[in-house]
Amino acid sequence: MKIRVQLFAGAKQLAGRDHVELTVPETACVSDLRQALVQTVPGLEPLLQRARIAVDLEFANDATLIRPTSEIAVIPPVSGG
């Protein structure tokens, strides 16, 4: 299935774009998504180890299933004061 992943902050900067379109298996979960992102944009690998993934506006764990209609976002860690 084709999915669109929205990128924010450092992920957007590393990828040089605000979203990535990927093809993943019909039974994909967040861990599959992480692997597909690294294959498509290798520069994201270090950030993805710390980033949160949101699926349908909620933080997801690696076992969360992705549907073709899911809204997906990569949210890097935030620091500051």
C-alpha atoms as a PDB file:
ATOM      1  CA  MET A   1       0.000   0.000   0.000  1.00  0.00           C
ATOM      2  CA  LYS A   2       1.071   3.576  -0.560  1.00  0.00           C
ATOM      3  CA  ILE A   3       1.303   5.876   2.432  1.00  0.00           C
ATOM      4  CA  ARG A   4       2.337   9.468   3.000  1.00  0.00           C
ATOM      5  CA  VAL A   5       4.502  10.335   5.992  1.00  0.00           C
ATOM      6  CA  GLN A   6       4.621  13.932   7.207  1.00  0.00           C
ATOM      7  CA  LEU A   7       8.045  15.069   8.470  1.00  0.00           C
ATOM      8  CA  PHE A   8       8.587  17.761  11.073  1.00  0.00           C
ATOM      9  CA  ALA A   9      11.529  19.778  12.414  1.00  0.00           C
ATOM     10  CA  GLY A  10      14.860  17.912  12.159  1.00  0.00           C
ATOM     11  CA  ALA A  11      13.334  15.092  10.098  1.00  0.00           C
ATOM     12  CA  LYS A  12      12.136  17.624   7.541  1.00  0.00           C
ATOM     13  CA  GLN A  13      15.578  19.235   7.437  1.00  0.00           C
ATOM     14  CA  LEU A  14      17.437  15.935   7.042  1.00  0.00           C
ATOM     15  CA  ALA A  15      15.106  14.738   4.283  1.00  0.00           C
ATOM     16  CA  GLY A  16      15.015  18.104   2.521  1.00  0.00           C
ATOM     17  CA  ARG A  17      11.231  17.855   2.168  1.00  0.00           C
ATOM     18  CA  ASP A  18       8.138  17.951   4.336  1.00  0.00           C
ATOM     19  CA  HIS A  19       6.803  14.504   3.457  1.00  0.00           C
ATOM     20  CA  VAL A  20       7.786  11.135   2.034  1.00  0.00           C
ATOM     21  CA  GLU A  21       5.603   8.771   0.062  1.00  0.00           C
ATOM     22  CA  LEU A  22       6.331   5.091   0.651  1.00  0.00           C
ATOM     23  CA  THR A  23       5.065   1.713  -0.423  1.00  0.00           C
ATOM     24  CA  VAL A  24       4.755  -0.743   2.464  1.00  0.00           C
ATOM     25  CA  PRO A  25       3.099  -4.161   2.832  1.00  0.00           C
ATOM     26  CA  GLU A  26      -0.661  -4.266   3.495  1.00  0.00           C
ATOM     27  CA  THR A  27       0.087  -5.606   6.987  1.00  0.00           C
ATOM     28  CA  ALA A  28       2.692  -2.945   7.818  1.00  0.00           C
ATOM     29  CA  CYS A  29       3.240  -1.672  11.316  1.00  0.00           C
ATOM     30  CA  VAL A  30       5.300   1.244  12.620  1.00  0.00           C
ATOM     31  CA  SER A  31       8.512  -0.815  12.751  1.00  0.00           C
ATOM     32  CA  ASP A  32       8.063  -1.610   9.026  1.00  0.00           C
ATOM     33  CA  LEU A  33       7.530   2.088   8.412  1.00  0.00           C
ATOM     34  CA  ARG A  34      10.794   2.960  10.169  1.00  0.00           C
ATOM     35  CA  GLN A  35      12.688   0.478   7.965  1.00  0.00           C
ATOM     36  CA  ALA A  36      11.064   1.837   4.799  1.00  0.00           C
ATOM     37  CA  LEU A  37      11.937   5.401   5.803  1.00  0.00           C
ATOM     38  CA  VAL A  38      15.601   4.491   6.322  1.00  0.00           C
ATOM     39  CA  GLN A  39      15.723   2.761   2.943  1.00  0.00           C
ATOM     40  CA  THR A  40      14.163   5.787   1.236  1.00  0.00           C
ATOM     41  CA  VAL A  41      15.993   8.518   3.178  1.00  0.00           C
ATOM     42  CA  PRO A  42      19.106   6.960   4.792  1.00  0.00           C
ATOM     43  CA  GLY A  43      19.993  10.251   6.489  1.00  0.00           C
ATOM     44  CA  LEU A  44      16.989   9.839   8.790  1.00  0.00           C
ATOM     45  CA  GLU A  45      18.341   6.688  10.480  1.00  0.00           C
ATOM     46  CA  PRO A  46      19.992   8.301  13.548  1.00  0.00           C
ATOM     47  CA  LEU A  47      16.983  10.534  14.149  1.00  0.00           C
ATOM     48  CA  LEU A  48      14.433   7.725  13.748  1.00  0.00           C
ATOM     49  CA  GLN A  49      15.976   5.866  16.684  1.00  0.00           C
ATOM     50  CA  ARG A  50      14.771   8.697  18.950  1.00  0.00           C
ATOM     51  CA  ALA A  51      11.781  10.078  17.043  1.00  0.00           C
ATOM     52  CA  ARG A  52       8.150   9.400  17.898  1.00  0.00           C
ATOM     53  CA  ILE A  53       5.773   8.212  15.216  1.00  0.00           C
ATOM     54  CA  ALA A  54       2.176   9.394  15.297  1.00  0.00           C
ATOM     55  CA  VAL A  55      -0.546   7.397  13.565  1.00  0.00           C
ATOM     56  CA  ASP A  56      -3.937   9.055  13.241  1.00  0.00           C
ATOM     57  CA  LEU A  57      -2.941  11.876  15.602  1.00  0.00           C
ATOM     58  CA  GLU A  58      -1.789   9.602  18.446  1.00  0.00           C
ATOM     59  CA  PHE A  59       1.700   8.483  19.408  1.00  0.00           C
ATOM     60  CA  ALA A  60       2.188   4.890  18.277  1.00  0.00           C
ATOM     61  CA  ASN A  61       4.463   2.049  19.304  1.00  0.00           C
ATOM     62  CA  ASP A  62       6.365  -0.128  16.843  1.00  0.00           C
ATOM     63  CA  ALA A  63       3.583  -2.755  16.783  1.00  0.00           C
ATOM     64  CA  THR A  64       0.844  -0.285  15.765  1.00  0.00           C
ATOM     65  CA  LEU A  65      -0.704  -1.288  12.452  1.00  0.00           C
ATOM     66  CA  ILE A  66      -0.906   1.194   9.597  1.00  0.00           C
ATOM     67  CA  ARG A  67      -3.934   1.432   7.339  1.00  0.00           C
ATOM     68  CA  PRO A  68      -3.992   2.955   3.849  1.00  0.00           C
ATOM     69  CA  THR A  69      -5.957   5.919   5.239  1.00  0.00           C
ATOM     70  CA  SER A  70      -3.709   6.512   8.277  1.00  0.00           C
ATOM     71  CA  GLU A  71      -2.276   9.963   8.886  1.00  0.00           C
ATOM     72  CA  ILE A  72       1.368   9.386   9.796  1.00  0.00           C
ATOM     73  CA  ALA A  73       3.929  11.837  11.158  1.00  0.00           C
ATOM     74  CA  VAL A  74       7.552  11.645  12.297  1.00  0.00           C
ATOM     75  CA  ILE A  75       8.054  13.852  15.337  1.00  0.00           C
ATOM     76  CA  PRO A  76      11.705  14.283  16.360  1.00  0.00           C
ATOM     77  CA  PRO A  77      12.685  14.868  19.985  1.00  0.00           C
ATOM     78  CA  VAL A  78      12.353  18.461  21.107  1.00  0.00           C
ATOM     79  CA  SER A  79      14.858  20.276  23.276  1.00  0.00           C
ATOM     80  CA  GLY A  80      15.152  23.757  24.540  1.00  0.00           C
ATOM     81  CA  GLY A  81      14.287  25.909  27.461  1.00  0.00           C
END
